[in-house]
N, C-alpha and C. Protein backbone atom coordinates (compact mmCIF):
# COMPACT_ATOMS: atom_id res chain seq x y z
N UNK A 1 92.24 118.88 123.92
CA UNK A 1 92.90 117.63 123.60
C UNK A 1 94.41 117.86 123.61
N UNK A 2 95.12 116.91 124.09
CA UNK A 2 96.57 116.95 124.17
C UNK A 2 97.17 117.10 122.77
N UNK A 3 98.24 117.91 122.64
CA UNK A 3 98.86 118.12 121.33
C UNK A 3 99.44 116.83 120.76
N UNK A 4 100.03 116.01 121.62
CA UNK A 4 100.59 114.75 121.16
C UNK A 4 99.51 113.83 120.60
N UNK A 5 98.39 113.76 121.30
CA UNK A 5 97.27 112.94 120.83
C UNK A 5 96.71 113.48 119.52
N UNK A 6 96.62 114.78 119.41
CA UNK A 6 96.11 115.41 118.19
C UNK A 6 97.02 115.08 116.99
N UNK A 7 98.32 115.16 117.19
CA UNK A 7 99.26 114.84 116.10
C UNK A 7 99.16 113.36 115.72
N UNK A 8 99.04 112.50 116.72
CA UNK A 8 98.92 111.06 116.46
C UNK A 8 97.64 110.76 115.69
N UNK A 9 96.54 111.37 116.09
CA UNK A 9 95.27 111.16 115.39
C UNK A 9 95.31 111.72 113.97
N UNK A 10 96.03 112.80 113.77
CA UNK A 10 96.17 113.38 112.44
C UNK A 10 96.93 112.41 111.52
N UNK A 11 98.05 111.87 112.01
CA UNK A 11 98.82 110.88 111.24
C UNK A 11 97.94 109.66 110.97
N UNK A 12 97.18 109.24 111.96
CA UNK A 12 96.29 108.08 111.81
C UNK A 12 95.24 108.33 110.74
N UNK A 13 94.64 109.49 110.75
CA UNK A 13 93.61 109.84 109.76
C UNK A 13 94.18 109.86 108.35
N UNK A 14 95.34 110.47 108.19
CA UNK A 14 95.98 110.54 106.87
C UNK A 14 96.34 109.14 106.39
N UNK A 15 96.86 108.32 107.28
CA UNK A 15 97.21 106.94 106.92
C UNK A 15 95.97 106.16 106.51
N UNK A 16 94.89 106.30 107.26
CA UNK A 16 93.64 105.62 106.94
C UNK A 16 93.14 106.01 105.55
N UNK A 17 93.07 107.31 105.29
CA UNK A 17 92.56 107.78 104.00
C UNK A 17 93.46 107.34 102.85
N UNK A 18 94.77 107.39 103.06
CA UNK A 18 95.71 106.96 102.03
C UNK A 18 95.56 105.47 101.73
N UNK A 19 95.36 104.67 102.76
CA UNK A 19 95.24 103.22 102.58
C UNK A 19 93.92 102.84 101.92
N UNK A 20 92.83 103.49 102.30
CA UNK A 20 91.52 103.16 101.73
C UNK A 20 91.47 103.52 100.25
N UNK A 21 92.21 104.51 99.85
CA UNK A 21 92.22 104.93 98.44
C UNK A 21 93.03 104.00 97.54
N UNK A 22 93.82 103.12 98.12
CA UNK A 22 94.64 102.21 97.32
C UNK A 22 93.78 101.16 96.64
N UNK A 23 94.15 100.83 95.42
CA UNK A 23 93.43 99.78 94.69
C UNK A 23 93.64 98.42 95.33
N UNK A 24 94.79 98.24 95.95
CA UNK A 24 95.10 96.96 96.59
C UNK A 24 94.09 96.64 97.68
N UNK A 25 93.65 97.64 98.44
CA UNK A 25 92.64 97.45 99.48
C UNK A 25 91.34 96.96 98.86
N UNK A 26 90.90 97.64 97.80
CA UNK A 26 89.64 97.25 97.14
C UNK A 26 89.76 95.86 96.54
N UNK A 27 90.91 95.55 95.96
CA UNK A 27 91.13 94.23 95.36
C UNK A 27 91.03 93.13 96.41
N UNK A 28 91.72 93.30 97.54
CA UNK A 28 91.66 92.27 98.58
C UNK A 28 90.29 92.20 99.24
N UNK A 29 89.60 93.32 99.33
CA UNK A 29 88.24 93.30 99.86
C UNK A 29 87.32 92.49 98.95
N UNK A 30 87.44 92.68 97.65
CA UNK A 30 86.64 91.89 96.70
C UNK A 30 87.03 90.42 96.73
N UNK A 31 88.32 90.14 96.81
CA UNK A 31 88.79 88.76 96.87
C UNK A 31 88.29 88.07 98.15
N UNK A 32 88.36 88.78 99.27
CA UNK A 32 87.86 88.23 100.53
C UNK A 32 86.36 88.00 100.48
N UNK A 33 85.63 88.94 99.88
CA UNK A 33 84.17 88.78 99.75
C UNK A 33 83.84 87.57 98.87
N UNK A 34 84.61 87.39 97.80
CA UNK A 34 84.39 86.23 96.93
C UNK A 34 84.64 84.93 97.69
N UNK A 35 85.65 84.93 98.56
CA UNK A 35 85.95 83.72 99.32
C UNK A 35 84.85 83.43 100.34
N UNK A 36 84.36 84.47 100.99
CA UNK A 36 83.26 84.29 101.95
C UNK A 36 82.02 83.75 101.25
N UNK A 37 81.69 84.33 100.10
CA UNK A 37 80.51 83.88 99.36
C UNK A 37 80.68 82.48 98.79
N UNK A 38 81.91 82.12 98.41
CA UNK A 38 82.14 80.79 97.84
C UNK A 38 82.10 79.70 98.90
N UNK A 39 82.16 80.08 100.17
CA UNK A 39 82.14 79.07 101.23
C UNK A 39 80.85 78.27 101.22
N UNK A 40 79.76 78.86 100.75
CA UNK A 40 78.48 78.13 100.69
C UNK A 40 78.55 77.03 99.64
N UNK A 41 79.14 77.33 98.49
CA UNK A 41 79.20 76.33 97.43
C UNK A 41 80.25 75.25 97.73
N UNK A 42 81.20 75.53 98.60
CA UNK A 42 82.23 74.54 98.94
C UNK A 42 81.88 73.73 100.19
N UNK A 43 80.66 73.86 100.68
CA UNK A 43 80.28 73.20 101.92
C UNK A 43 80.27 71.67 101.81
N UNK A 44 80.34 71.14 100.60
CA UNK A 44 80.38 69.68 100.45
C UNK A 44 81.70 69.11 100.97
N UNK A 45 82.70 69.96 101.15
CA UNK A 45 84.00 69.53 101.67
C UNK A 45 84.10 69.75 103.18
N UNK A 46 83.03 69.50 103.90
CA UNK A 46 83.01 69.81 105.33
C UNK A 46 83.74 68.78 106.19
N UNK A 47 84.18 67.66 105.64
CA UNK A 47 84.98 66.65 106.31
C UNK A 47 84.35 66.16 107.62
N UNK A 48 83.04 65.98 107.61
CA UNK A 48 82.35 65.41 108.75
C UNK A 48 81.96 66.38 109.85
N UNK A 49 82.29 67.64 109.70
CA UNK A 49 81.90 68.64 110.70
C UNK A 49 80.58 69.27 110.29
N UNK A 50 80.03 70.07 111.17
CA UNK A 50 78.78 70.76 110.86
C UNK A 50 78.96 71.73 109.71
N UNK A 51 77.89 71.87 108.93
CA UNK A 51 77.95 72.72 107.75
C UNK A 51 78.18 74.19 108.09
N UNK A 52 77.49 74.68 109.10
CA UNK A 52 77.68 76.08 109.50
C UNK A 52 79.08 76.32 110.04
N UNK A 53 79.62 75.34 110.75
CA UNK A 53 80.98 75.46 111.28
C UNK A 53 81.98 75.54 110.13
N UNK A 54 81.79 74.71 109.11
CA UNK A 54 82.69 74.75 107.96
C UNK A 54 82.62 76.09 107.25
N UNK A 55 81.41 76.59 107.03
CA UNK A 55 81.24 77.87 106.35
C UNK A 55 81.91 78.98 107.15
N UNK A 56 81.72 78.97 108.47
CA UNK A 56 82.33 79.99 109.33
C UNK A 56 83.85 79.86 109.33
N UNK A 57 84.37 78.64 109.48
CA UNK A 57 85.82 78.44 109.50
C UNK A 57 86.46 78.85 108.18
N UNK A 58 85.83 78.48 107.08
CA UNK A 58 86.35 78.82 105.76
C UNK A 58 86.36 80.34 105.56
N UNK A 59 85.27 80.97 105.92
CA UNK A 59 85.18 82.43 105.76
C UNK A 59 86.16 83.17 106.64
N UNK A 60 86.27 82.77 107.91
CA UNK A 60 87.19 83.46 108.81
C UNK A 60 88.64 83.14 108.49
N UNK A 61 88.90 81.95 107.96
CA UNK A 61 90.26 81.64 107.50
C UNK A 61 90.66 82.54 106.34
N UNK A 62 89.75 82.73 105.40
CA UNK A 62 90.01 83.64 104.29
C UNK A 62 90.18 85.07 104.75
N UNK A 63 89.36 85.47 105.73
CA UNK A 63 89.47 86.83 106.28
C UNK A 63 90.84 87.05 106.90
N UNK A 64 91.32 86.07 107.67
CA UNK A 64 92.62 86.24 108.31
C UNK A 64 93.74 86.21 107.27
N UNK A 65 93.64 85.33 106.28
CA UNK A 65 94.69 85.27 105.26
C UNK A 65 94.77 86.58 104.48
N UNK A 66 93.65 87.02 103.93
CA UNK A 66 93.66 88.26 103.15
C UNK A 66 93.92 89.48 104.03
N UNK A 67 93.45 89.44 105.26
CA UNK A 67 93.75 90.52 106.20
C UNK A 67 95.23 90.59 106.53
N UNK A 68 95.87 89.43 106.67
CA UNK A 68 97.32 89.41 106.93
C UNK A 68 98.10 89.93 105.74
N UNK A 69 97.70 89.52 104.55
CA UNK A 69 98.36 90.03 103.34
C UNK A 69 98.19 91.55 103.27
N UNK A 70 96.99 92.01 103.52
CA UNK A 70 96.73 93.45 103.51
C UNK A 70 97.55 94.16 104.58
N UNK A 71 97.61 93.59 105.77
CA UNK A 71 98.36 94.22 106.87
C UNK A 71 99.84 94.34 106.53
N UNK A 72 100.43 93.28 106.01
CA UNK A 72 101.86 93.30 105.71
C UNK A 72 102.16 94.25 104.56
N UNK A 73 101.47 94.08 103.45
CA UNK A 73 101.76 94.87 102.25
C UNK A 73 101.41 96.34 102.46
N UNK A 74 100.22 96.61 102.97
CA UNK A 74 99.78 97.99 103.14
C UNK A 74 100.65 98.73 104.14
N UNK A 75 100.92 98.12 105.29
CA UNK A 75 101.70 98.80 106.32
C UNK A 75 103.11 99.08 105.85
N UNK A 76 103.76 98.09 105.24
CA UNK A 76 105.12 98.31 104.75
C UNK A 76 105.13 99.35 103.63
N UNK A 77 104.17 99.28 102.73
CA UNK A 77 104.14 100.23 101.61
C UNK A 77 103.89 101.65 102.11
N UNK A 78 102.95 101.82 103.02
CA UNK A 78 102.66 103.16 103.54
C UNK A 78 103.84 103.72 104.33
N UNK A 79 104.50 102.88 105.10
CA UNK A 79 105.64 103.33 105.89
C UNK A 79 106.80 103.75 104.98
N UNK A 80 107.15 102.89 104.03
CA UNK A 80 108.30 103.19 103.18
C UNK A 80 108.01 104.27 102.15
N UNK A 81 106.75 104.46 101.77
CA UNK A 81 106.43 105.56 100.86
C UNK A 81 106.64 106.90 101.56
N UNK A 82 106.36 106.96 102.86
CA UNK A 82 106.63 108.18 103.63
C UNK A 82 108.13 108.46 103.67
N UNK A 83 108.93 107.42 103.82
CA UNK A 83 110.38 107.59 103.87
C UNK A 83 110.92 107.98 102.49
N UNK A 84 110.49 107.24 101.45
CA UNK A 84 111.00 107.50 100.10
C UNK A 84 110.60 108.86 99.56
N UNK A 85 109.41 109.32 99.88
CA UNK A 85 108.95 110.64 99.43
C UNK A 85 109.46 111.76 100.32
N UNK A 86 110.23 111.41 101.33
CA UNK A 86 110.80 112.37 102.29
C UNK A 86 109.74 113.10 103.11
N UNK A 87 108.51 112.61 103.08
CA UNK A 87 107.44 113.20 103.89
C UNK A 87 107.72 112.98 105.37
N UNK A 88 108.22 111.81 105.71
CA UNK A 88 108.51 111.50 107.11
C UNK A 88 109.58 112.42 107.66
N UNK A 89 110.58 112.74 106.84
CA UNK A 89 111.64 113.64 107.31
C UNK A 89 111.09 115.02 107.62
N UNK A 90 110.19 115.49 106.78
CA UNK A 90 109.56 116.79 107.01
C UNK A 90 108.72 116.75 108.28
N UNK A 91 107.96 115.67 108.46
CA UNK A 91 107.11 115.55 109.64
C UNK A 91 107.93 115.44 110.92
N UNK A 92 109.00 114.64 110.87
CA UNK A 92 109.80 114.42 112.07
C UNK A 92 110.68 115.61 112.40
N UNK A 93 110.89 116.52 111.45
CA UNK A 93 111.64 117.75 111.73
C UNK A 93 110.78 118.72 112.54
N UNK A 94 109.50 118.58 112.46
CA UNK A 94 108.57 119.42 113.23
C UNK A 94 108.46 118.81 114.64
N UNK A 95 107.67 119.40 115.50
CA UNK A 95 107.55 118.82 116.85
C UNK A 95 106.71 117.54 116.86
N UNK A 96 107.12 116.56 116.10
CA UNK A 96 106.45 115.26 116.03
C UNK A 96 107.48 114.20 116.36
N UNK A 97 107.23 113.44 117.39
CA UNK A 97 108.19 112.43 117.78
C UNK A 97 108.04 111.18 116.92
N UNK A 98 109.06 110.37 116.96
CA UNK A 98 109.03 109.10 116.23
C UNK A 98 107.91 108.20 116.74
N UNK A 99 107.71 108.21 118.05
CA UNK A 99 106.65 107.39 118.65
C UNK A 99 105.27 107.83 118.18
N UNK A 100 105.05 109.14 118.09
CA UNK A 100 103.76 109.64 117.59
C UNK A 100 103.54 109.23 116.14
N UNK A 101 104.60 109.32 115.35
CA UNK A 101 104.53 108.93 113.94
C UNK A 101 104.18 107.45 113.80
N UNK A 102 104.91 106.60 114.53
CA UNK A 102 104.67 105.15 114.44
C UNK A 102 103.30 104.77 115.01
N UNK A 103 102.90 105.40 116.10
CA UNK A 103 101.59 105.11 116.69
C UNK A 103 100.47 105.56 115.75
N UNK A 104 100.65 106.70 115.10
CA UNK A 104 99.67 107.16 114.12
C UNK A 104 99.56 106.22 112.94
N UNK A 105 100.71 105.74 112.45
CA UNK A 105 100.71 104.76 111.35
C UNK A 105 100.00 103.48 111.78
N UNK A 106 100.30 103.03 113.00
CA UNK A 106 99.67 101.82 113.51
C UNK A 106 98.15 101.98 113.60
N UNK A 107 97.70 103.07 114.21
CA UNK A 107 96.26 103.28 114.40
C UNK A 107 95.53 103.42 113.06
N UNK A 108 96.15 104.10 112.10
CA UNK A 108 95.53 104.24 110.78
C UNK A 108 95.41 102.91 110.06
N UNK A 109 96.49 102.12 110.09
CA UNK A 109 96.46 100.81 109.44
C UNK A 109 95.49 99.88 110.16
N UNK A 110 95.43 99.96 111.48
CA UNK A 110 94.53 99.11 112.25
C UNK A 110 93.08 99.48 111.98
N UNK A 111 92.80 100.76 111.78
CA UNK A 111 91.44 101.19 111.44
C UNK A 111 91.03 100.66 110.07
N UNK A 112 91.97 100.67 109.12
CA UNK A 112 91.68 100.12 107.79
C UNK A 112 91.34 98.64 107.90
N UNK A 113 92.11 97.92 108.68
CA UNK A 113 91.83 96.49 108.85
C UNK A 113 90.54 96.27 109.64
N UNK A 114 90.19 97.19 110.50
CA UNK A 114 88.90 97.11 111.18
C UNK A 114 87.75 97.20 110.19
N UNK A 115 87.86 98.13 109.25
CA UNK A 115 86.83 98.26 108.19
C UNK A 115 86.79 96.98 107.36
N UNK A 116 87.97 96.48 106.99
CA UNK A 116 88.08 95.25 106.20
C UNK A 116 87.38 94.09 106.90
N UNK A 117 87.68 93.90 108.18
CA UNK A 117 87.11 92.79 108.95
C UNK A 117 85.61 92.96 109.14
N UNK A 118 85.16 94.17 109.45
CA UNK A 118 83.73 94.40 109.69
C UNK A 118 82.92 94.14 108.41
N UNK A 119 83.43 94.60 107.27
CA UNK A 119 82.71 94.38 106.00
C UNK A 119 82.63 92.88 105.70
N UNK A 120 83.76 92.19 105.77
CA UNK A 120 83.75 90.76 105.46
C UNK A 120 82.99 89.95 106.51
N UNK A 121 83.09 90.33 107.77
CA UNK A 121 82.35 89.60 108.81
C UNK A 121 80.86 89.86 108.69
N UNK A 122 80.47 91.05 108.29
CA UNK A 122 79.05 91.32 108.04
C UNK A 122 78.52 90.44 106.92
N UNK A 123 79.31 90.32 105.87
CA UNK A 123 78.94 89.44 104.76
C UNK A 123 78.90 87.98 105.23
N UNK A 124 79.87 87.60 106.06
CA UNK A 124 79.91 86.25 106.61
C UNK A 124 78.67 85.99 107.47
N UNK A 125 78.27 86.96 108.26
CA UNK A 125 77.07 86.82 109.09
C UNK A 125 75.82 86.64 108.25
N UNK A 126 75.72 87.38 107.16
CA UNK A 126 74.56 87.24 106.26
C UNK A 126 74.54 85.85 105.64
N UNK A 127 75.71 85.37 105.20
CA UNK A 127 75.80 84.03 104.60
C UNK A 127 75.41 82.97 105.62
N UNK A 128 75.93 83.08 106.83
CA UNK A 128 75.60 82.11 107.88
C UNK A 128 74.13 82.15 108.25
N UNK A 129 73.57 83.35 108.37
CA UNK A 129 72.16 83.48 108.71
C UNK A 129 71.27 82.87 107.63
N UNK A 130 71.59 83.15 106.36
CA UNK A 130 70.78 82.62 105.25
C UNK A 130 70.85 81.09 105.23
N UNK A 131 72.04 80.54 105.40
CA UNK A 131 72.17 79.08 105.39
C UNK A 131 71.49 78.47 106.62
N UNK A 132 71.56 79.16 107.74
CA UNK A 132 70.89 78.68 108.95
C UNK A 132 69.39 78.59 108.74
N UNK A 133 68.80 79.58 108.08
CA UNK A 133 67.37 79.57 107.81
C UNK A 133 67.00 78.37 106.92
N UNK A 134 67.85 78.09 105.93
CA UNK A 134 67.60 76.92 105.07
C UNK A 134 67.68 75.63 105.88
N UNK A 135 68.69 75.53 106.75
CA UNK A 135 68.84 74.32 107.56
C UNK A 135 67.71 74.16 108.57
N UNK A 136 67.20 75.26 109.10
CA UNK A 136 66.06 75.19 110.03
C UNK A 136 64.83 74.67 109.29
N UNK A 137 64.61 75.16 108.07
CA UNK A 137 63.46 74.69 107.29
C UNK A 137 63.59 73.21 106.98
N UNK A 138 64.79 72.76 106.61
CA UNK A 138 65.01 71.33 106.34
C UNK A 138 64.84 70.50 107.61
N UNK A 139 65.31 71.01 108.74
CA UNK A 139 65.21 70.27 110.00
C UNK A 139 63.76 70.15 110.46
N UNK A 140 62.97 71.18 110.22
CA UNK A 140 61.56 71.11 110.60
C UNK A 140 60.82 70.07 109.78
N UNK A 141 61.20 69.92 108.52
CA UNK A 141 60.56 68.92 107.66
C UNK A 141 60.93 67.50 108.09
N UNK A 142 62.20 67.33 108.51
CA UNK A 142 62.65 65.98 108.86
C UNK A 142 62.50 65.68 110.35
N UNK A 143 62.17 66.68 111.15
CA UNK A 143 61.98 66.46 112.58
C UNK A 143 63.28 66.42 113.37
N UNK A 144 64.38 66.87 112.82
CA UNK A 144 65.67 66.88 113.52
C UNK A 144 65.90 68.26 114.15
N UNK A 145 66.90 68.31 115.03
CA UNK A 145 67.29 69.59 115.63
C UNK A 145 68.15 70.37 114.63
N UNK A 146 67.84 71.64 114.41
CA UNK A 146 68.62 72.42 113.44
C UNK A 146 69.93 72.92 114.04
N UNK A 147 70.90 73.12 113.16
CA UNK A 147 72.16 73.74 113.55
C UNK A 147 71.97 75.25 113.56
N UNK A 148 72.57 75.91 114.52
CA UNK A 148 72.44 77.37 114.61
C UNK A 148 73.82 77.99 114.81
N UNK A 149 73.88 79.30 114.60
CA UNK A 149 75.10 80.02 114.91
C UNK A 149 74.76 81.18 115.83
N UNK A 150 75.76 81.63 116.56
CA UNK A 150 75.55 82.66 117.57
C UNK A 150 76.08 84.01 117.07
N UNK A 151 75.26 85.03 117.17
CA UNK A 151 75.69 86.38 116.80
C UNK A 151 76.77 86.86 117.77
N UNK A 152 76.64 86.50 119.04
CA UNK A 152 77.66 86.85 120.03
C UNK A 152 78.99 86.21 119.70
N UNK A 153 78.95 84.96 119.26
CA UNK A 153 80.17 84.27 118.85
C UNK A 153 80.79 84.93 117.63
N UNK A 154 79.95 85.39 116.71
CA UNK A 154 80.43 86.10 115.53
C UNK A 154 81.12 87.40 115.95
N UNK A 155 80.54 88.10 116.91
CA UNK A 155 81.16 89.32 117.41
C UNK A 155 82.51 89.06 118.07
N UNK A 156 82.60 87.97 118.82
CA UNK A 156 83.88 87.61 119.44
C UNK A 156 84.93 87.29 118.38
N UNK A 157 84.52 86.57 117.34
CA UNK A 157 85.47 86.25 116.27
C UNK A 157 85.94 87.50 115.54
N UNK A 158 85.04 88.46 115.34
CA UNK A 158 85.43 89.72 114.70
C UNK A 158 86.48 90.43 115.55
N UNK A 159 86.24 90.51 116.84
CA UNK A 159 87.19 91.17 117.74
C UNK A 159 88.53 90.45 117.74
N UNK A 160 88.51 89.12 117.80
CA UNK A 160 89.76 88.35 117.82
C UNK A 160 90.54 88.50 116.51
N UNK A 161 89.83 88.50 115.38
CA UNK A 161 90.50 88.71 114.09
C UNK A 161 91.17 90.07 114.06
N UNK A 162 90.46 91.09 114.54
CA UNK A 162 90.99 92.45 114.52
C UNK A 162 92.22 92.57 115.42
N UNK A 163 92.16 91.94 116.59
CA UNK A 163 93.31 91.97 117.50
C UNK A 163 94.51 91.22 116.90
N UNK A 164 94.26 90.07 116.28
CA UNK A 164 95.35 89.32 115.65
C UNK A 164 96.00 90.13 114.55
N UNK A 165 95.19 90.81 113.75
CA UNK A 165 95.75 91.62 112.67
C UNK A 165 96.47 92.85 113.22
N UNK A 166 96.05 93.33 114.38
CA UNK A 166 96.78 94.42 115.04
C UNK A 166 98.19 93.98 115.43
N UNK A 167 98.33 92.74 115.88
CA UNK A 167 99.65 92.20 116.20
C UNK A 167 100.51 92.12 114.94
N UNK A 168 99.92 91.69 113.83
CA UNK A 168 100.65 91.61 112.56
C UNK A 168 101.14 93.00 112.15
N UNK A 169 100.28 94.01 112.27
CA UNK A 169 100.67 95.38 111.92
C UNK A 169 101.81 95.85 112.81
N UNK A 170 101.73 95.58 114.10
CA UNK A 170 102.77 96.00 115.03
C UNK A 170 104.11 95.36 114.68
N UNK A 171 104.09 94.09 114.32
CA UNK A 171 105.33 93.41 113.94
C UNK A 171 105.90 94.01 112.66
N UNK A 172 105.05 94.25 111.67
CA UNK A 172 105.51 94.84 110.41
C UNK A 172 106.09 96.23 110.64
N UNK A 173 105.43 97.04 111.44
CA UNK A 173 105.95 98.39 111.73
C UNK A 173 107.27 98.32 112.48
N UNK A 174 107.39 97.41 113.43
CA UNK A 174 108.65 97.28 114.17
C UNK A 174 109.78 96.86 113.24
N UNK A 175 109.52 95.89 112.38
CA UNK A 175 110.55 95.45 111.44
C UNK A 175 110.88 96.56 110.46
N UNK A 176 109.88 97.28 109.97
CA UNK A 176 110.11 98.37 109.03
C UNK A 176 110.94 99.48 109.66
N UNK A 177 110.62 99.84 110.88
CA UNK A 177 111.36 100.91 111.56
C UNK A 177 112.80 100.49 111.83
N UNK A 178 112.99 99.24 112.25
CA UNK A 178 114.34 98.76 112.51
C UNK A 178 115.13 98.58 111.22
N UNK A 179 114.48 98.09 110.18
CA UNK A 179 115.18 97.88 108.91
C UNK A 179 115.67 99.20 108.35
N UNK A 180 114.87 100.21 108.46
CA UNK A 180 115.25 101.53 107.95
C UNK A 180 116.35 102.14 108.82
N UNK A 181 116.31 101.88 110.12
CA UNK A 181 117.31 102.42 111.03
C UNK A 181 118.68 101.81 110.76
N UNK A 182 118.72 100.50 110.58
CA UNK A 182 120.00 99.82 110.39
C UNK A 182 120.55 99.96 108.98
N UNK A 183 119.70 100.23 108.01
CA UNK A 183 120.18 100.36 106.63
C UNK A 183 120.66 101.77 106.33
N UNK A 184 120.29 102.74 107.13
CA UNK A 184 120.66 104.13 106.86
C UNK A 184 122.05 104.46 107.32
């Protein structure tokens, strides 16, 4: 394996482990899970749209909101803690380029958000599947066509959420790197 790739993966792994150990990650994961689960009880506010669509939109909206908060706060905190603790100076004095450092930080933070999205989307899928089964049973009794959701569509939404949050991380890292460069 290339030395540059190895160093980048090492920074990524350390960033991932450091971020997962933070209480803020667990707090937002619980808050996001609560929002996904509460979408079933708030389905009366569907505003004329399908019930499953409302549950999915509400859950994925909460996922993006809490994921964005996590991306901004976690990425900035991890980046500036490296600077403040002088760990970054020690790392950059070795044969580690700035690009490897930033790419490692990006990949580590993006992996954390991948875990965040997969956990919440898995919970969202369970909620949607359970409600779909209830709606199918009700539709069979009344003779109507039941509403369904697509697992493939859920997978596409997971990927899109993860990519959107990757853009947020990239913007935060770019601003953090530039802010530190111009303030020094």
